[in-house]
Amino acid sequence: MSMYARLINFKYQQPLKIDGSDQWIGKYKYDEVKKWYLVTIMNKDSGRYLAWKDLMVVMSDDECWWNLFTQQDQFALRPWGSGSESMKTTEFGYSLQMEADYSVDLQFQLRDPVDAALWMLSDN
């Protein structure tokens, strides 16, 4: 399954804008072992993927999978795969979070994500 949309931060009501574009294409898959949905997110204009390295948000030429953690009508994106920042549990972990200057980074969260780590889809 896939989607094409803008990702809007719940707290700041601002789009995720990286590589000069706020248009994203997402592809979903289901992890049968953990029973979680995963998503890889590609910037429509640059063709690069939203990724992380050493607790920093980066863009990559390779697919990078995120745990899609839903909460009411919003969702959080948590790193999935190898590395200390990767999701191992739903009780705690790092989440993609927008800061007051509209930049994004990974922030450690206990339990449910804070509003700045929640995202919504917008088709306009």
PDB file of N, CA and C in Angstrom:
ATOM      1  N   MET A   1       0.849  -1.164   0.000  1.00  0.00           N
ATOM      2  CA  MET A   1       0.000   0.000   0.000  1.00  0.00           C
ATOM      3  C   MET A   1       0.900   1.233   0.000  1.00  0.00           C
ATOM      4  N   SER A   2       0.426   2.307  -0.637  1.00  0.00           N
ATOM      5  CA  SER A   2       1.228   3.520  -0.667  1.00  0.00           C
ATOM      6  C   SER A   2       0.344   4.753  -0.490  1.00  0.00           C
ATOM      7  N   MET A   3       0.998   5.894  -0.246  1.00  0.00           N
ATOM      8  CA  MET A   3       0.287   7.159  -0.099  1.00  0.00           C
ATOM      9  C   MET A   3       1.132   8.262  -0.713  1.00  0.00           C
ATOM     10  N   TYR A   4       0.480   9.350  -1.103  1.00  0.00           N
ATOM     11  CA  TYR A   4       1.141  10.550  -1.595  1.00  0.00           C
ATOM     12  C   TYR A   4       0.500  11.714  -0.852  1.00  0.00           C
ATOM     13  N   ALA A   5       1.286  12.447  -0.064  1.00  0.00           N
ATOM     14  CA  ALA A   5       0.693  13.506   0.747  1.00  0.00           C
ATOM     15  C   ALA A   5       1.772  14.406   1.340  1.00  0.00           C
ATOM     16  N   ARG A   6       1.309  15.435   2.025  1.00  0.00           N
ATOM     17  CA  ARG A   6       2.163  16.259   2.872  1.00  0.00           C
ATOM     18  C   ARG A   6       2.031  15.713   4.284  1.00  0.00           C
ATOM     19  N   LEU A   7       3.117  15.764   5.045  1.00  0.00           N
ATOM     20  CA  LEU A   7       3.086  15.387   6.452  1.00  0.00           C
ATOM     21  C   LEU A   7       3.044  16.672   7.266  1.00  0.00           C
ATOM     22  N   ILE A   8       1.976  16.844   8.033  1.00  0.00           N
ATOM     23  CA  ILE A   8       1.766  18.060   8.816  1.00  0.00           C
ATOM     24  C   ILE A   8       1.965  17.739  10.296  1.00  0.00           C
ATOM     25  N   ASN A   9       2.808  18.546  10.955  1.00  0.00           N
ATOM     26  CA  ASN A   9       3.033  18.341  12.379  1.00  0.00           C
ATOM     27  C   ASN A   9       1.809  18.788  13.175  1.00  0.00           C
ATOM     28  N   PHE A  10       1.382  17.975  14.128  1.00  0.00           N
ATOM     29  CA  PHE A  10       0.175  18.240  14.913  1.00  0.00           C
ATOM     30  C   PHE A  10       0.327  19.492  15.791  1.00  0.00           C
ATOM     31  N   LYS A  11       1.442  19.633  16.470  1.00  0.00           N
ATOM     32  CA  LYS A  11       1.626  20.761  17.392  1.00  0.00           C
ATOM     33  C   LYS A  11       1.798  22.089  16.649  1.00  0.00           C
ATOM     34  N   TYR A  12       2.656  22.117  15.634  1.00  0.00           N
ATOM     35  CA  TYR A  12       2.998  23.366  14.961  1.00  0.00           C
ATOM     36  C   TYR A  12       2.179  23.629  13.696  1.00  0.00           C
ATOM     37  N   GLN A  13       1.424  22.641  13.240  1.00  0.00           N
ATOM     38  CA  GLN A  13       0.605  22.777  12.029  1.00  0.00           C
ATOM     39  C   GLN A  13       1.453  23.215  10.833  1.00  0.00           C
ATOM     40  N   GLN A  14       2.671  22.701  10.757  1.00  0.00           N
ATOM     41  CA  GLN A  14       3.601  23.006   9.676  1.00  0.00           C
ATOM     42  C   GLN A  14       3.980  21.713   8.958  1.00  0.00           C
ATOM     43  N   PRO A  15       4.243  21.790   7.649  1.00  0.00           N
ATOM     44  CA  PRO A  15       4.618  20.577   6.915  1.00  0.00           C
ATOM     45  C   PRO A  15       6.072  20.186   7.160  1.00  0.00           C
ATOM     46  N   LEU A  16       6.331  18.909   7.046  1.00  0.00           N
ATOM     47  CA  LEU A  16       7.696  18.401   7.040  1.00  0.00           C
ATOM     48  C   LEU A  16       8.297  18.786   5.692  1.00  0.00           C
ATOM     49  N   LYS A  17       9.308  19.646   5.719  1.00  0.00           N
ATOM     50  CA  LYS A  17       9.899  20.142   4.468  1.00  0.00           C
ATOM     51  C   LYS A  17      11.408  19.905   4.514  1.00  0.00           C
ATOM     52  N   ILE A  18      11.859  18.995   3.653  1.00  0.00           N
ATOM     53  CA  ILE A  18      13.277  18.648   3.563  1.00  0.00           C
ATOM     54  C   ILE A  18      13.620  18.539   2.086  1.00  0.00           C
ATOM     55  N   ASP A  19      14.830  18.862   1.728  1.00  0.00           N
ATOM     56  CA  ASP A  19      15.278  18.848   0.331  1.00  0.00           C
ATOM     57  C   ASP A  19      14.433  19.788  -0.536  1.00  0.00           C
ATOM     58  N   GLY A  20      13.911  20.874   0.069  1.00  0.00           N
ATOM     59  CA  GLY A  20      13.169  21.877  -0.686  1.00  0.00           C
ATOM     60  C   GLY A  20      11.740  21.509  -1.039  1.00  0.00           C
ATOM     61  N   SER A  21      11.241  20.405  -0.533  1.00  0.00           N
ATOM     62  CA  SER A  21       9.885  19.965  -0.888  1.00  0.00           C
ATOM     63  C   SER A  21       9.140  19.458   0.339  1.00  0.00           C
ATOM     64  N   ASP A  22       7.820  19.617   0.314  1.00  0.00           N
ATOM     65  CA  ASP A  22       6.992  19.074   1.395  1.00  0.00           C
ATOM     66  C   ASP A  22       6.044  17.989   0.880  1.00  0.00           C
ATOM     67  N   GLN A  23       6.357  17.418  -0.280  1.00  0.00           N
ATOM     68  CA  GLN A  23       5.544  16.343  -0.859  1.00  0.00           C
ATOM     69  C   GLN A  23       6.257  15.009  -0.651  1.00  0.00           C
ATOM     70  N   TRP A  24       5.519  14.029  -0.135  1.00  0.00           N
ATOM     71  CA  TRP A  24       6.124  12.749   0.236  1.00  0.00           C
ATOM     72  C   TRP A  24       5.324  11.583  -0.342  1.00  0.00           C
ATOM     73  N   ILE A  25       6.033  10.516  -0.626  1.00  0.00           N
ATOM     74  CA  ILE A  25       5.414   9.272  -1.070  1.00  0.00           C
ATOM     75  C   ILE A  25       5.790   8.203  -0.050  1.00  0.00           C
ATOM     76  N   GLY A  26       4.789   7.557   0.510  1.00  0.00           N
ATOM     77  CA  GLY A  26       5.033   6.525   1.519  1.00  0.00           C
ATOM     78  C   GLY A  26       4.618   5.158   1.023  1.00  0.00           C
ATOM     79  N   LYS A  27       5.358   4.148   1.446  1.00  0.00           N
ATOM     80  CA  LYS A  27       5.034   2.762   1.126  1.00  0.00           C
ATOM     81  C   LYS A  27       4.986   1.989   2.445  1.00  0.00           C
ATOM     82  N   TYR A  28       3.910   1.242   2.633  1.00  0.00           N
ATOM     83  CA  TYR A  28       3.672   0.538   3.889  1.00  0.00           C
ATOM     84  C   TYR A  28       3.930  -0.956   3.750  1.00  0.00           C
ATOM     85  N   LYS A  29       4.277  -1.562   4.892  1.00  0.00           N
ATOM     86  CA  LYS A  29       4.318  -3.020   4.982  1.00  0.00           C
ATOM     87  C   LYS A  29       4.012  -3.397   6.430  1.00  0.00           C
ATOM     88  N   TYR A  30       3.667  -4.662   6.618  1.00  0.00           N
ATOM     89  CA  TYR A  30       3.286  -5.140   7.946  1.00  0.00           C
ATOM     90  C   TYR A  30       4.348  -6.107   8.446  1.00  0.00           C
ATOM     91  N   ASP A  31       4.839  -5.877   9.654  1.00  0.00           N
ATOM     92  CA  ASP A  31       5.804  -6.770  10.280  1.00  0.00           C
ATOM     93  C   ASP A  31       5.024  -7.855  11.014  1.00  0.00           C
ATOM     94  N   GLU A  32       5.039  -9.053  10.464  1.00  0.00           N
ATOM     95  CA  GLU A  32       4.271 -10.174  11.033  1.00  0.00           C
ATOM     96  C   GLU A  32       4.752 -10.565  12.429  1.00  0.00           C
ATOM     97  N   VAL A  33       6.052 -10.431  12.694  1.00  0.00           N
ATOM     98  CA  VAL A  33       6.611 -10.838  13.984  1.00  0.00           C
ATOM     99  C   VAL A  33       6.165  -9.892  15.092  1.00  0.00           C
ATOM    100  N   LYS A  34       6.363  -8.593  14.889  1.00  0.00           N
ATOM    101  CA  LYS A  34       6.014  -7.589  15.912  1.00  0.00           C
ATOM    102  C   LYS A  34       4.562  -7.143  15.842  1.00  0.00           C
ATOM    103  N   LYS A  35       3.894  -7.433  14.705  1.00  0.00           N
ATOM    104  CA  LYS A  35       2.500  -7.011  14.503  1.00  0.00           C
ATOM    105  C   LYS A  35       2.394  -5.485  14.444  1.00  0.00           C
ATOM    106  N   TRP A  36       3.340  -4.861  13.728  1.00  0.00           N
ATOM    107  CA  TRP A  36       3.393  -3.411  13.570  1.00  0.00           C
ATOM    108  C   TRP A  36       3.400  -3.063  12.100  1.00  0.00           C
ATOM    109  N   TYR A  37       2.866  -1.882  11.777  1.00  0.00           N
ATOM    110  CA  TYR A  37       2.979  -1.359  10.420  1.00  0.00           C
ATOM    111  C   TYR A  37       4.266  -0.556  10.320  1.00  0.00           C
ATOM    112  N   LEU A  38       4.936  -0.708   9.194  1.00  0.00           N
ATOM    113  CA  LEU A  38       6.158   0.025   8.906  1.00  0.00           C
ATOM    114  C   LEU A  38       5.933   0.846   7.650  1.00  0.00           C
ATOM    115  N   VAL A  39       6.643   1.963   7.547  1.00  0.00           N
ATOM    116  CA  VAL A  39       6.504   2.825   6.372  1.00  0.00           C
ATOM    117  C   VAL A  39       7.883   3.346   5.983  1.00  0.00           C
ATOM    118  N   THR A  40       8.121   3.435   4.683  1.00  0.00           N
ATOM    119  CA  THR A  40       9.287   4.129   4.164  1.00  0.00           C
ATOM    120  C   THR A  40       8.766   5.362   3.440  1.00  0.00           C
ATOM    121  N   ILE A  41       9.439   6.500   3.612  1.00  0.00           N
ATOM    122  CA  ILE A  41       8.923   7.774   3.126  1.00  0.00           C
ATOM    123  C   ILE A  41       9.942   8.427   2.203  1.00  0.00           C
ATOM    124  N   MET A  42       9.541   8.632   0.944  1.00  0.00           N
ATOM    125  CA  MET A  42      10.426   9.209  -0.057  1.00  0.00           C
ATOM    126  C   MET A  42       9.959  10.621  -0.419  1.00  0.00           C
ATOM    127  N   ASN A  43      10.909  11.541  -0.493  1.00  0.00           N
ATOM    128  CA  ASN A  43      10.612  12.896  -0.936  1.00  0.00           C
ATOM    129  C   ASN A  43      10.283  12.851  -2.420  1.00  0.00           C
ATOM    130  N   LYS A  44       9.120  13.362  -2.790  1.00  0.00           N
ATOM    131  CA  LYS A  44       8.637  13.272  -4.174  1.00  0.00           C
ATOM    132  C   LYS A  44       9.584  13.927  -5.173  1.00  0.00           C
ATOM    133  N   ASP A  45      10.149  15.074  -4.811  1.00  0.00           N
ATOM    134  CA  ASP A  45      10.982  15.821  -5.754  1.00  0.00           C
ATOM    135  C   ASP A  45      12.423  15.325  -5.824  1.00  0.00           C
ATOM    136  N   SER A  46      13.021  14.999  -4.672  1.00  0.00           N
ATOM    137  CA  SER A  46      14.431  14.595  -4.680  1.00  0.00           C
ATOM    138  C   SER A  46      14.610  13.091  -4.912  1.00  0.00           C
ATOM    139  N   GLY A  47      13.563  12.291  -4.618  1.00  0.00           N
ATOM    140  CA  GLY A  47      13.687  10.842  -4.746  1.00  0.00           C
ATOM    141  C   GLY A  47      14.496  10.211  -3.632  1.00  0.00           C
ATOM    142  N   ARG A  48      14.789  10.979  -2.587  1.00  0.00           N
ATOM    143  CA  ARG A  48      15.565  10.464  -1.445  1.00  0.00           C
ATOM    144  C   ARG A  48      14.611  10.129  -0.297  1.00  0.00           C
ATOM    145  N   TYR A  49      15.072   9.246   0.585  1.00  0.00           N
ATOM    146  CA  TYR A  49      14.248   8.728   1.675  1.00  0.00           C
ATOM    147  C   TYR A  49      14.542   9.410   3.003  1.00  0.00           C
ATOM    148  N   LEU A  50      13.488   9.620   3.784  1.00  0.00           N
ATOM    149  CA  LEU A  50      13.619  10.100   5.154  1.00  0.00           C
ATOM    150  C   LEU A  50      14.296   9.000   5.958  1.00  0.00           C
ATOM    151  N   ALA A  51      15.392   9.346   6.633  1.00  0.00           N
ATOM    152  CA  ALA A  51      16.190   8.331   7.330  1.00  0.00           C
ATOM    153  C   ALA A  51      16.782   8.933   8.605  1.00  0.00           C
ATOM    154  N   TRP A  52      17.628   8.177   9.265  1.00  0.00           N
ATOM    155  CA  TRP A  52      18.313   8.642  10.455  1.00  0.00           C
ATOM    156  C   TRP A  52      19.705   8.035  10.486  1.00  0.00           C
ATOM    157  N   LYS A  53      20.599   8.725  11.173  1.00  0.00           N
ATOM    158  CA  LYS A  53      21.958   8.234  11.396  1.00  0.00           C
ATOM    159  C   LYS A  53      22.490   8.930  12.636  1.00  0.00           C
ATOM    160  N   ASP A  54      22.958   8.145  13.597  1.00  0.00           N
ATOM    161  CA  ASP A  54      23.521   8.702  14.833  1.00  0.00           C
ATOM    162  C   ASP A  54      22.577   9.703  15.493  1.00  0.00           C
ATOM    163  N   LEU A  55      21.309   9.342  15.576  1.00  0.00           N
ATOM    164  CA  LEU A  55      20.263  10.149  16.218  1.00  0.00           C
ATOM    165  C   LEU A  55      19.979  11.466  15.498  1.00  0.00           C
ATOM    166  N   MET A  56      20.374  11.562  14.239  1.00  0.00           N
ATOM    167  CA  MET A  56      20.066  12.736  13.434  1.00  0.00           C
ATOM    168  C   MET A  56      19.173  12.329  12.275  1.00  0.00           C
ATOM    169  N   VAL A  57      18.234  13.204  11.912  1.00  0.00           N
ATOM    170  CA  VAL A  57      17.384  12.963  10.748  1.00  0.00           C
ATOM    171  C   VAL A  57      18.181  13.353   9.515  1.00  0.00           C
ATOM    172  N   VAL A  58      18.239  12.442   8.553  1.00  0.00           N
ATOM    173  CA  VAL A  58      18.989  12.663   7.315  1.00  0.00           C
ATOM    174  C   VAL A  58      18.148  12.182   6.145  1.00  0.00           C
ATOM    175  N   MET A  59      18.613  12.471   4.955  1.00  0.00           N
ATOM    176  CA  MET A  59      18.004  11.927   3.747  1.00  0.00           C
ATOM    177  C   MET A  59      18.972  10.903   3.181  1.00  0.00           C
ATOM    178  N   SER A  60      18.420   9.835   2.601  1.00  0.00           N
ATOM    179  CA  SER A  60      19.241   8.733   2.121  1.00  0.00           C
ATOM    180  C   SER A  60      18.770   8.288   0.736  1.00  0.00           C
ATOM    181  N   ASP A  61      19.689   7.744  -0.033  1.00  0.00           N
ATOM    182  CA  ASP A  61      19.325   7.158  -1.324  1.00  0.00           C
ATOM    183  C   ASP A  61      18.697   5.780  -1.151  1.00  0.00           C
ATOM    184  N   ASP A  62      18.829   5.197   0.041  1.00  0.00           N
ATOM    185  CA  ASP A  62      18.296   3.863   0.330  1.00  0.00           C
ATOM    186  C   ASP A  62      17.023   3.948   1.170  1.00  0.00           C
ATOM    187  N   GLU A  63      16.120   2.994   0.952  1.00  0.00           N
ATOM    188  CA  GLU A  63      14.904   2.931   1.774  1.00  0.00           C
ATOM    189  C   GLU A  63      15.272   2.795   3.238  1.00  0.00           C
ATOM    190  N   CYS A  64      14.513   3.463   4.072  1.00  0.00           N
ATOM    191  CA  CYS A  64      14.680   3.401   5.519  1.00  0.00           C
ATOM    192  C   CYS A  64      13.282   3.202   6.102  1.00  0.00           C
ATOM    193  N   TRP A  65      13.120   2.229   6.971  1.00  0.00           N
ATOM    194  CA  TRP A  65      11.787   1.912   7.492  1.00  0.00           C
ATOM    195  C   TRP A  65      11.558   2.532   8.853  1.00  0.00           C
ATOM    196  N   TRP A  66      10.353   3.039   9.044  1.00  0.00           N
ATOM    197  CA  TRP A  66       9.910   3.658  10.297  1.00  0.00           C
ATOM    198  C   TRP A  66       8.715   2.875  10.831  1.00  0.00           C
ATOM    199  N   ASN A  67       8.651   2.737  12.148  1.00  0.00           N
ATOM    200  CA  ASN A  67       7.473   2.166  12.786  1.00  0.00           C
ATOM    201  C   ASN A  67       6.386   3.228  12.772  1.00  0.00           C
ATOM    202  N   LEU A  68       5.210   2.853  12.305  1.00  0.00           N
ATOM    203  CA  LEU A  68       4.072   3.768  12.232  1.00  0.00           C
ATOM    204  C   LEU A  68       3.244   3.568  13.498  1.00  0.00           C
ATOM    205  N   PHE A  69       3.423   4.452  14.450  1.00  0.00           N
ATOM    206  CA  PHE A  69       2.785   4.371  15.753  1.00  0.00           C
ATOM    207  C   PHE A  69       1.575   5.293  15.745  1.00  0.00           C
ATOM    208  N   THR A  70       0.381   4.729  15.713  1.00  0.00           N
ATOM    209  CA  THR A  70      -0.828   5.555  15.607  1.00  0.00           C
ATOM    210  C   THR A  70      -1.374   5.920  16.978  1.00  0.00           C
ATOM    211  N   GLN A  71      -1.948   7.122  17.030  1.00  0.00           N
ATOM    212  CA  GLN A  71      -2.566   7.630  18.255  1.00  0.00           C
ATOM    213  C   GLN A  71      -3.719   8.531  17.840  1.00  0.00           C
ATOM    214  N   GLN A  72      -4.932   8.083  18.052  1.00  0.00           N
ATOM    215  CA  GLN A  72      -6.144   8.762  17.612  1.00  0.00           C
ATOM    216  C   GLN A  72      -6.065   9.012  16.109  1.00  0.00           C
ATOM    217  N   ASP A  73      -6.192  10.256  15.643  1.00  0.00           N
ATOM    218  CA  ASP A  73      -6.148  10.554  14.210  1.00  0.00           C
ATOM    219  C   ASP A  73      -4.746  10.947  13.730  1.00  0.00           C
ATOM    220  N   GLN A  74      -3.759  10.867  14.603  1.00  0.00           N
ATOM    221  CA  GLN A  74      -2.398  11.218  14.251  1.00  0.00           C
ATOM    222  C   GLN A  74      -1.508   9.965  14.313  1.00  0.00           C
ATOM    223  N   PHE A  75      -0.257  10.158  13.905  1.00  0.00           N
ATOM    224  CA  PHE A  75       0.697   9.055  13.992  1.00  0.00           C
ATOM    225  C   PHE A  75       2.080   9.611  14.315  1.00  0.00           C
ATOM    226  N   ALA A  76       2.911   8.753  14.877  1.00  0.00           N
ATOM    227  CA  ALA A  76       4.314   9.072  15.128  1.00  0.00           C
ATOM    228  C   ALA A  76       5.158   8.159  14.259  1.00  0.00           C
ATOM    229  N   LEU A  77       6.344   8.631  13.928  1.00  0.00           N
ATOM    230  CA  LEU A  77       7.291   7.853  13.146  1.00  0.00           C
ATOM    231  C   LEU A  77       8.492   7.553  14.028  1.00  0.00           C
ATOM    232  N   ARG A  78       8.736   6.264  14.235  1.00  0.00           N
ATOM    233  CA  ARG A  78       9.840   5.844  15.079  1.00  0.00           C
ATOM    234  C   ARG A  78      10.795   4.962  14.276  1.00  0.00           C
ATOM    235  N   PRO A  79      12.107   5.209  14.399  1.00  0.00           N
ATOM    236  CA  PRO A  79      13.074   4.424  13.626  1.00  0.00           C
ATOM    237  C   PRO A  79      12.895   2.927  13.818  1.00  0.00           C
ATOM    238  N   TRP A  80      13.117   2.183  12.727  1.00  0.00           N
ATOM    239  CA  TRP A  80      12.968   0.738  12.732  1.00  0.00           C
ATOM    240  C   TRP A  80      14.201   0.120  12.094  1.00  0.00           C
ATOM    241  N   GLY A  81      14.754  -0.873  12.705  1.00  0.00           N
ATOM    242  CA  GLY A  81      15.915  -1.556  12.126  1.00  0.00           C
ATOM    243  C   GLY A  81      17.011  -1.694  13.152  1.00  0.00           C
ATOM    244  N   SER A  82      18.249  -1.612  12.684  1.00  0.00           N
ATOM    245  CA  SER A  82      19.385  -1.759  13.592  1.00  0.00           C
ATOM    246  C   SER A  82      19.783  -0.405  14.157  1.00  0.00           C
ATOM    247  N   GLY A  83      20.504  -0.428  15.244  1.00  0.00           N
ATOM    248  CA  GLY A  83      20.987   0.805  15.859  1.00  0.00           C
ATOM    249  C   GLY A  83      20.264   1.119  17.153  1.00  0.00           C
ATOM    250  N   SER A  84      20.906   1.913  17.998  1.00  0.00           N
ATOM    251  CA  SER A  84      20.367   2.208  19.326  1.00  0.00           C
ATOM    252  C   SER A  84      19.098   3.048  19.266  1.00  0.00           C
ATOM    253  N   GLU A  85      18.903   3.806  18.160  1.00  0.00           N
ATOM    254  CA  GLU A  85      17.715   4.652  18.071  1.00  0.00           C
ATOM    255  C   GLU A  85      16.500   3.900  17.550  1.00  0.00           C
ATOM    256  N   SER A  86      16.679   2.671  17.144  1.00  0.00           N
ATOM    257  CA  SER A  86      15.592   1.906  16.529  1.00  0.00           C
ATOM    258  C   SER A  86      14.554   1.451  17.543  1.00  0.00           C
ATOM    259  N   MET A  87      13.319   1.324  17.057  1.00  0.00           N
ATOM    260  CA  MET A  87      12.207   0.866  17.880  1.00  0.00           C
ATOM    261  C   MET A  87      12.383  -0.598  18.254  1.00  0.00           C
ATOM    262  N   LYS A  88      12.361  -0.880  19.529  1.00  0.00           N
ATOM    263  CA  LYS A  88      12.386  -2.255  20.014  1.00  0.00           C
ATOM    264  C   LYS A  88      11.106  -2.581  20.785  1.00  0.00           C
ATOM    265  N   THR A  89      10.371  -1.536  21.170  1.00  0.00           N
ATOM    266  CA  THR A  89       9.180  -1.676  21.993  1.00  0.00           C
ATOM    267  C   THR A  89       8.255  -0.492  21.744  1.00  0.00           C
ATOM    268  N   THR A  90       7.002  -0.620  22.093  1.00  0.00           N
ATOM    269  CA  THR A  90       6.092   0.525  22.000  1.00  0.00           C
ATOM    270  C   THR A  90       6.066   1.332  23.303  1.00  0.00           C
ATOM    271  N   GLU A  91       6.746   0.866  24.332  1.00  0.00           N
ATOM    272  CA  GLU A  91       6.734   1.560  25.620  1.00  0.00           C
ATOM    273  C   GLU A  91       7.609   2.814  25.618  1.00  0.00           C
ATOM    274  N   PHE A  92       8.673   2.814  24.843  1.00  0.00           N
ATOM    275  CA  PHE A  92       9.566   3.960  24.774  1.00  0.00           C
ATOM    276  C   PHE A  92      10.383   3.880  23.498  1.00  0.00           C
ATOM    277  N   GLY A  93      11.001   4.990  23.136  1.00  0.00           N
ATOM    278  CA  GLY A  93      11.851   5.005  21.955  1.00  0.00           C
ATOM    279  C   GLY A  93      11.970   6.398  21.384  1.00  0.00           C
ATOM    280  N   TYR A  94      12.745   6.504  20.341  1.00  0.00           N
ATOM    281  CA  TYR A  94      12.930   7.779  19.655  1.00  0.00           C
ATOM    282  C   TYR A  94      11.811   7.998  18.652  1.00  0.00           C
ATOM    283  N   SER A  95      11.392   9.252  18.501  1.00  0.00           N
ATOM    284  CA  SER A  95      10.352   9.620  17.538  1.00  0.00           C
ATOM    285  C   SER A  95      10.818  10.831  16.734  1.00  0.00           C
ATOM    286  N   LEU A  96      10.357  10.897  15.488  1.00  0.00           N
ATOM    287  CA  LEU A  96      10.594  12.065  14.652  1.00  0.00           C
ATOM    288  C   LEU A  96       9.791  13.215  15.238  1.00  0.00           C
ATOM    289  N   GLN A  97      10.465  14.300  15.605  1.00  0.00           N
ATOM    290  CA  GLN A  97       9.795  15.399  16.292  1.00  0.00           C
ATOM    291  C   GLN A  97      10.156  16.728  15.648  1.00  0.00           C
ATOM    292  N   MET A  98       9.162  17.598  15.483  1.00  0.00           N
ATOM    293  CA  MET A  98       9.410  18.946  14.969  1.00  0.00           C
ATOM    294  C   MET A  98       9.724  19.863  16.135  1.00  0.00           C
ATOM    295  N   GLU A  99      10.707  20.734  15.900  1.00  0.00           N
ATOM    296  CA  GLU A  99      11.101  21.713  16.914  1.00  0.00           C
ATOM    297  C   GLU A  99      10.429  23.053  16.612  1.00  0.00           C
ATOM    298  N   ALA A 100      10.548  24.009  17.525  1.00  0.00           N
ATOM    299  CA  ALA A 100       9.891  25.309  17.383  1.00  0.00           C
ATOM    300  C   ALA A 100      10.348  26.070  16.136  1.00  0.00           C
ATOM    301  N   ASP A 101      11.569  25.796  15.648  1.00  0.00           N
ATOM    302  CA  ASP A 101      12.056  26.449  14.432  1.00  0.00           C
ATOM    303  C   ASP A 101      11.684  25.653  13.171  1.00  0.00           C
ATOM    304  N   TYR A 102      10.833  24.645  13.321  1.00  0.00           N
ATOM    305  CA  TYR A 102      10.307  23.777  12.256  1.00  0.00           C
ATOM    306  C   TYR A 102      11.343  22.804  11.697  1.00  0.00           C
ATOM    307  N   SER A 103      12.492  22.698  12.337  1.00  0.00           N
ATOM    308  CA  SER A 103      13.436  21.647  11.984  1.00  0.00           C
ATOM    309  C   SER A 103      12.935  20.352  12.626  1.00  0.00           C
ATOM    310  N   VAL A 104      13.501  19.228  12.227  1.00  0.00           N
ATOM    311  CA  VAL A 104      13.097  17.948  12.812  1.00  0.00           C
ATOM    312  C   VAL A 104      14.322  17.217  13.331  1.00  0.00           C
ATOM    313  N   ASP A 105      14.099  16.443  14.380  1.00  0.00           N
ATOM    314  CA  ASP A 105      15.138  15.581  14.918  1.00  0.00           C
ATOM    315  C   ASP A 105      14.492  14.398  15.612  1.00  0.00           C
ATOM    316  N   LEU A 106      15.320  13.540  16.159  1.00  0.00           N
ATOM    317  CA  LEU A 106      14.814  12.396  16.919  1.00  0.00           C
ATOM    318  C   LEU A 106      14.900  12.729  18.397  1.00  0.00           C
ATOM    319  N   GLN A 107      13.793  12.550  19.100  1.00  0.00           N
ATOM    320  CA  GLN A 107      13.747  12.802  20.533  1.00  0.00           C
ATOM    321  C   GLN A 107      13.271  11.537  21.238  1.00  0.00           C
ATOM    322  N   PHE A 108      13.896  11.233  22.381  1.00  0.00           N
ATOM    323  CA  PHE A 108      13.502  10.068  23.153  1.00  0.00           C
ATOM    324  C   PHE A 108      12.176  10.343  23.843  1.00  0.00           C
ATOM    325  N   GLN A 109      11.260   9.377  23.761  1.00  0.00           N
ATOM    326  CA  GLN A 109       9.922   9.526  24.336  1.00  0.00           C
ATOM    327  C   GLN A 109       9.612   8.322  25.231  1.00  0.00           C
ATOM    328  N   LEU A 110       9.058   8.589  26.364  1.00  0.00           N
ATOM    329  CA  LEU A 110       8.520   7.525  27.210  1.00  0.00           C
ATOM    330  C   LEU A 110       7.033   7.417  26.920  1.00  0.00           C
ATOM    331  N   ARG A 111       6.574   6.217  26.639  1.00  0.00           N
ATOM    332  CA  ARG A 111       5.172   5.923  26.346  1.00  0.00           C
ATOM    333  C   ARG A 111       4.671   6.675  25.110  1.00  0.00           C
ATOM    334  N   ASP A 112       3.546   7.351  25.210  1.00  0.00           N
ATOM    335  CA  ASP A 112       2.937   7.995  24.047  1.00  0.00           C
ATOM    336  C   ASP A 112       3.741   9.208  23.588  1.00  0.00           C
ATOM    337  N   PRO A 113       3.796   9.448  22.282  1.00  0.00           N
ATOM    338  CA  PRO A 113       4.528  10.608  21.751  1.00  0.00           C
ATOM    339  C   PRO A 113       3.890  11.927  22.177  1.00  0.00           C
ATOM    340  N   VAL A 114       4.720  12.942  22.336  1.00  0.00           N
ATOM    341  CA  VAL A 114       4.231  14.291  22.634  1.00  0.00           C
ATOM    342  C   VAL A 114       3.651  14.884  21.352  1.00  0.00           C
ATOM    343  N   ASP A 115       2.914  15.999  21.462  1.00  0.00           N
ATOM    344  CA  ASP A 115       2.268  16.614  20.298  1.00  0.00           C
ATOM    345  C   ASP A 115       3.235  16.974  19.177  1.00  0.00           C
ATOM    346  N   ALA A 116       4.453  17.395  19.516  1.00  0.00           N
ATOM    347  CA  ALA A 116       5.440  17.776  18.502  1.00  0.00           C
ATOM    348  C   ALA A 116       5.954  16.566  17.726  1.00  0.00           C
ATOM    349  N   ALA A 117       5.675  15.359  18.223  1.00  0.00           N
ATOM    350  CA  ALA A 117       6.091  14.125  17.538  1.00  0.00           C
ATOM    351  C   ALA A 117       4.926  13.455  16.813  1.00  0.00           C
ATOM    352  N   LEU A 118       3.773  14.124  16.772  1.00  0.00           N
ATOM    353  CA  LEU A 118       2.619  13.575  16.092  1.00  0.00           C
ATOM    354  C   LEU A 118       2.446  14.242  14.731  1.00  0.00           C
ATOM    355  N   TRP A 119       2.021  13.465  13.742  1.00  0.00           N
ATOM    356  CA  TRP A 119       1.890  13.926  12.358  1.00  0.00           C
ATOM    357  C   TRP A 119       0.535  13.568  11.798  1.00  0.00           C
ATOM    358  N   MET A 120       0.105  14.334  10.799  1.00  0.00           N
ATOM    359  CA  MET A 120      -1.139  14.085  10.099  1.00  0.00           C
ATOM    360  C   MET A 120      -0.851  14.141   8.605  1.00  0.00           C
ATOM    361  N   LEU A 121      -1.713  13.535   7.799  1.00  0.00           N
ATOM    362  CA  LEU A 121      -1.583  13.608   6.355  1.00  0.00           C
ATOM    363  C   LEU A 121      -2.479  14.701   5.799  1.00  0.00           C
ATOM    364  N   SER A 122      -1.980  15.399   4.783  1.00  0.00           N
ATOM    365  CA  SER A 122      -2.767  16.404   4.088  1.00  0.00           C
ATOM    366  C   SER A 122      -2.519  16.231   2.600  1.00  0.00           C
ATOM    367  N   ASP A 123      -3.570  16.263   1.806  1.00  0.00           N
ATOM    368  CA  ASP A 123      -3.402  16.081   0.371  1.00  0.00           C
ATOM    369  C   ASP A 123      -3.281  17.401  -0.378  1.00  0.00           C
ATOM    370  N   ASN A 124      -3.234  18.526   0.315  1.00  0.00           N
ATOM    371  CA  ASN A 124      -3.082  19.810  -0.388  1.00  0.00           C
ATOM    372  C   ASN A 124      -1.808  20.518   0.007  1.00  0.00           C
TER     373      ASN A 124
END
